[in-house]
Amino acid sequence: MIESPKIDNITRELDKLESVNGIIGTAIVNRNGLTVVSRLPRNIDSRKFGAMAATLFEAMETAATTLKDRVLNVTVEFDDYQLVVYVLNSNIIFVSLLELNIDLGIVLIEIEECTKFIQKLLEV
């Protein structure tokens, strides 16, 4: 489990992403689907969201075994949203819910900077 001071730092980093246009919410999720930190809107059940994201990512990893490579991130487009999932380490993933019609390039740069910072926090 992640220690409380690290969770506070991660939460502050996720708060910064809230100012990026197009990001609806973010979460840090254990690979078994348990939500560690959630910055999702109140109308989204963070437990179900975390479980769905972890299941989706695991399914992509299983599919990628045929390519003999590993999945670093997954982007899924729904009718009204986009979902981006990044690997932080072997036990933790980062999940972001995005508006559909946004400049994905700029948003992904912000997300990558955030995930790199969180990865460094998790290493210590």
C-alpha atoms as a PDB file:
ATOM      1  CA  MET A   1       0.000   0.000   0.000  1.00  0.00           C
ATOM      2  CA  ILE A   2       1.078   3.592  -0.557  1.00  0.00           C
ATOM      3  CA  GLU A   3       2.028   5.599   2.539  1.00  0.00           C
ATOM      4  CA  SER A   4      -0.070   8.624   3.531  1.00  0.00           C
ATOM      5  CA  PRO A   5       2.577  11.314   2.762  1.00  0.00           C
ATOM      6  CA  LYS A   6       2.948   9.913  -0.767  1.00  0.00           C
ATOM      7  CA  ILE A   7      -0.826   9.876  -1.205  1.00  0.00           C
ATOM      8  CA  ASP A   8      -0.933  13.553  -0.207  1.00  0.00           C
ATOM      9  CA  ASN A   9       1.734  14.387  -2.823  1.00  0.00           C
ATOM     10  CA  ILE A  10      -0.059  12.329  -5.466  1.00  0.00           C
ATOM     11  CA  THR A  11      -3.360  14.045  -4.666  1.00  0.00           C
ATOM     12  CA  ARG A  12      -1.732  17.473  -5.068  1.00  0.00           C
ATOM     13  CA  GLU A  13      -0.319  16.408  -8.438  1.00  0.00           C
ATOM     14  CA  LEU A  14      -3.721  15.154  -9.589  1.00  0.00           C
ATOM     15  CA  ASP A  15      -5.268  18.437  -8.428  1.00  0.00           C
ATOM     16  CA  LYS A  16      -2.950  20.268 -10.838  1.00  0.00           C
ATOM     17  CA  LEU A  17      -4.366  18.225 -13.725  1.00  0.00           C
ATOM     18  CA  GLU A  18      -7.856  19.482 -12.935  1.00  0.00           C
ATOM     19  CA  SER A  19      -6.839  22.842 -14.415  1.00  0.00           C
ATOM     20  CA  VAL A  20      -6.013  21.243 -17.777  1.00  0.00           C
ATOM     21  CA  ASN A  21      -8.831  21.832 -20.247  1.00  0.00           C
ATOM     22  CA  GLY A  22     -10.529  18.577 -21.215  1.00  0.00           C
ATOM     23  CA  ILE A  23      -9.657  16.464 -18.176  1.00  0.00           C
ATOM     24  CA  ILE A  24     -12.821  15.406 -16.374  1.00  0.00           C
ATOM     25  CA  GLY A  25     -11.169  13.406 -13.606  1.00  0.00           C
ATOM     26  CA  THR A  26      -8.278  11.168 -12.638  1.00  0.00           C
ATOM     27  CA  ALA A  27      -7.585   8.235 -10.364  1.00  0.00           C
ATOM     28  CA  ILE A  28      -4.741   6.094  -9.131  1.00  0.00           C
ATOM     29  CA  VAL A  29      -5.823   2.472  -9.084  1.00  0.00           C
ATOM     30  CA  ASN A  30      -4.261  -0.698  -7.758  1.00  0.00           C
ATOM     31  CA  ARG A  31      -3.863  -3.352 -10.449  1.00  0.00           C
ATOM     32  CA  ASN A  32      -6.527  -5.439  -8.710  1.00  0.00           C
ATOM     33  CA  GLY A  33      -9.037  -2.604  -9.254  1.00  0.00           C
ATOM     34  CA  LEU A  34      -9.009  -0.894  -5.852  1.00  0.00           C
ATOM     35  CA  THR A  35      -8.993   2.887  -6.112  1.00  0.00           C
ATOM     36  CA  VAL A  36      -6.125   4.419  -4.116  1.00  0.00           C
ATOM     37  CA  VAL A  37      -6.737   8.111  -4.939  1.00  0.00           C
ATOM     38  CA  SER A  38      -9.687   9.531  -6.848  1.00  0.00           C
ATOM     39  CA  ARG A  39     -10.186  12.996  -8.300  1.00  0.00           C
ATOM     40  CA  LEU A  40     -13.310  11.988 -10.220  1.00  0.00           C
ATOM     41  CA  PRO A  41     -16.598  13.895 -10.338  1.00  0.00           C
ATOM     42  CA  ARG A  42     -19.122  12.901  -7.662  1.00  0.00           C
ATOM     43  CA  ASN A  43     -21.483  11.354 -10.196  1.00  0.00           C
ATOM     44  CA  ILE A  44     -18.889   8.667 -11.046  1.00  0.00           C
ATOM     45  CA  ASP A  45     -18.561   5.710  -8.686  1.00  0.00           C
ATOM     46  CA  SER A  46     -14.793   5.608  -8.164  1.00  0.00           C
ATOM     47  CA  ARG A  47     -14.859   1.968  -7.036  1.00  0.00           C
ATOM     48  CA  LYS A  48     -16.603   0.780 -10.205  1.00  0.00           C
ATOM     49  CA  PHE A  49     -14.500   3.123 -12.331  1.00  0.00           C
ATOM     50  CA  GLY A  50     -11.265   1.755 -10.838  1.00  0.00           C
ATOM     51  CA  ALA A  51     -12.369  -1.843 -11.255  1.00  0.00           C
ATOM     52  CA  MET A  52     -13.405  -1.207 -14.881  1.00  0.00           C
ATOM     53  CA  ALA A  53     -10.111   0.511 -15.719  1.00  0.00           C
ATOM     54  CA  ALA A  54      -8.010  -2.244 -14.143  1.00  0.00           C
ATOM     55  CA  THR A  55     -10.018  -4.951 -15.924  1.00  0.00           C
ATOM     56  CA  LEU A  56      -9.724  -3.124 -19.249  1.00  0.00           C
ATOM     57  CA  PHE A  57      -5.991  -2.705 -18.847  1.00  0.00           C
ATOM     58  CA  GLU A  58      -5.485  -6.336 -17.824  1.00  0.00           C
ATOM     59  CA  ALA A  59      -7.455  -7.472 -20.883  1.00  0.00           C
ATOM     60  CA  MET A  60      -5.185  -5.392 -23.137  1.00  0.00           C
ATOM     61  CA  GLU A  61      -2.098  -6.853 -21.455  1.00  0.00           C
ATOM     62  CA  THR A  62      -3.425 -10.349 -22.061  1.00  0.00           C
ATOM     63  CA  ALA A  63      -4.127  -9.544 -25.708  1.00  0.00           C
ATOM     64  CA  ALA A  64      -0.643  -8.046 -26.106  1.00  0.00           C
ATOM     65  CA  THR A  65       1.054 -11.274 -25.054  1.00  0.00           C
ATOM     66  CA  THR A  66       0.506 -12.490 -28.609  1.00  0.00           C
ATOM     67  CA  LEU A  67       2.745  -9.606 -29.717  1.00  0.00           C
ATOM     68  CA  LYS A  68       5.339 -10.545 -27.089  1.00  0.00           C
ATOM     69  CA  ASP A  69       5.411  -6.956 -25.874  1.00  0.00           C
ATOM     70  CA  ARG A  70       4.073  -5.036 -22.898  1.00  0.00           C
ATOM     71  CA  VAL A  71       1.348  -2.418 -22.784  1.00  0.00           C
ATOM     72  CA  LEU A  72       2.451   1.026 -21.564  1.00  0.00           C
ATOM     73  CA  ASN A  73      -0.874   2.822 -21.969  1.00  0.00           C
ATOM     74  CA  VAL A  74      -4.358   2.316 -23.333  1.00  0.00           C
ATOM     75  CA  THR A  75      -6.724   4.892 -24.820  1.00  0.00           C
ATOM     76  CA  VAL A  76     -10.381   4.043 -25.317  1.00  0.00           C
ATOM     77  CA  GLU A  77     -12.967   6.264 -26.965  1.00  0.00           C
ATOM     78  CA  PHE A  78     -16.579   6.015 -25.816  1.00  0.00           C
ATOM     79  CA  ASP A  79     -19.617   7.903 -27.173  1.00  0.00           C
ATOM     80  CA  ASP A  80     -19.095  10.865 -24.854  1.00  0.00           C
ATOM     81  CA  TYR A  81     -15.658  10.403 -23.258  1.00  0.00           C
ATOM     82  CA  GLN A  82     -12.143   9.107 -23.660  1.00  0.00           C
ATOM     83  CA  LEU A  83     -10.348   6.965 -21.111  1.00  0.00           C
ATOM     84  CA  VAL A  84      -6.564   6.913 -20.839  1.00  0.00           C
ATOM     85  CA  VAL A  85      -4.762   4.358 -18.670  1.00  0.00           C
ATOM     86  CA  TYR A  86      -1.007   4.479 -17.960  1.00  0.00           C
ATOM     87  CA  VAL A  87       1.210   2.027 -16.101  1.00  0.00           C
ATOM     88  CA  LEU A  88       2.883   3.623 -13.080  1.00  0.00           C
ATOM     89  CA  ASN A  89       4.558   0.470 -11.776  1.00  0.00           C
ATOM     90  CA  SER A  90       3.864  -3.244 -11.559  1.00  0.00           C
ATOM     91  CA  ASN A  91       1.043  -2.673  -9.031  1.00  0.00           C
ATOM     92  CA  ILE A  92      -0.427   0.750  -9.820  1.00  0.00           C
ATOM     93  CA  ILE A  93      -2.081   2.369 -12.846  1.00  0.00           C
ATOM     94  CA  PHE A  94      -3.107   5.956 -13.588  1.00  0.00           C
ATOM     95  CA  VAL A  95      -6.534   6.521 -15.116  1.00  0.00           C
ATOM     96  CA  SER A  96      -7.891   9.706 -16.666  1.00  0.00           C
ATOM     97  CA  LEU A  97     -11.342  10.435 -18.000  1.00  0.00           C
ATOM     98  CA  LEU A  98     -11.280  13.029 -20.787  1.00  0.00           C
ATOM     99  CA  GLU A  99     -13.782  14.995 -22.796  1.00  0.00           C
ATOM    100  CA  LEU A 100     -14.261  13.578 -26.280  1.00  0.00           C
ATOM    101  CA  ASN A 101     -13.380  16.480 -28.567  1.00  0.00           C
ATOM    102  CA  ILE A 102     -10.171  17.918 -27.116  1.00  0.00           C
ATOM    103  CA  ASP A 103      -6.606  18.482 -28.249  1.00  0.00           C
ATOM    104  CA  LEU A 104      -5.421  15.082 -27.085  1.00  0.00           C
ATOM    105  CA  GLY A 105      -1.748  15.860 -27.762  1.00  0.00           C
ATOM    106  CA  ILE A 106      -1.571  18.691 -25.226  1.00  0.00           C
ATOM    107  CA  VAL A 107      -3.543  16.745 -22.629  1.00  0.00           C
ATOM    108  CA  LEU A 108      -1.323  13.676 -23.032  1.00  0.00           C
ATOM    109  CA  ILE A 109       1.803  15.804 -22.498  1.00  0.00           C
ATOM    110  CA  GLU A 110       0.360  17.061 -19.198  1.00  0.00           C
ATOM    111  CA  ILE A 111      -0.661  13.538 -18.187  1.00  0.00           C
ATOM    112  CA  GLU A 112       2.782  12.123 -19.031  1.00  0.00           C
ATOM    113  CA  GLU A 113       4.483  14.782 -16.894  1.00  0.00           C
ATOM    114  CA  CYS A 114       2.147  13.944 -14.024  1.00  0.00           C
ATOM    115  CA  THR A 115       2.677  10.197 -14.353  1.00  0.00           C
ATOM    116  CA  LYS A 116       6.468  10.594 -14.420  1.00  0.00           C
ATOM    117  CA  PHE A 117       6.318  12.629 -11.207  1.00  0.00           C
ATOM    118  CA  ILE A 118       4.105  10.020  -9.532  1.00  0.00           C
ATOM    119  CA  GLN A 119       6.357   7.181 -10.718  1.00  0.00           C
ATOM    120  CA  LYS A 120       9.328   8.893  -9.034  1.00  0.00           C
ATOM    121  CA  LEU A 121       7.293   9.270  -5.828  1.00  0.00           C
ATOM    122  CA  LEU A 122       6.412   5.587  -5.870  1.00  0.00           C
ATOM    123  CA  GLU A 123      10.064   4.558  -6.339  1.00  0.00           C
ATOM    124  CA  VAL A 124      11.208   6.224  -3.113  1.00  0.00           C
END
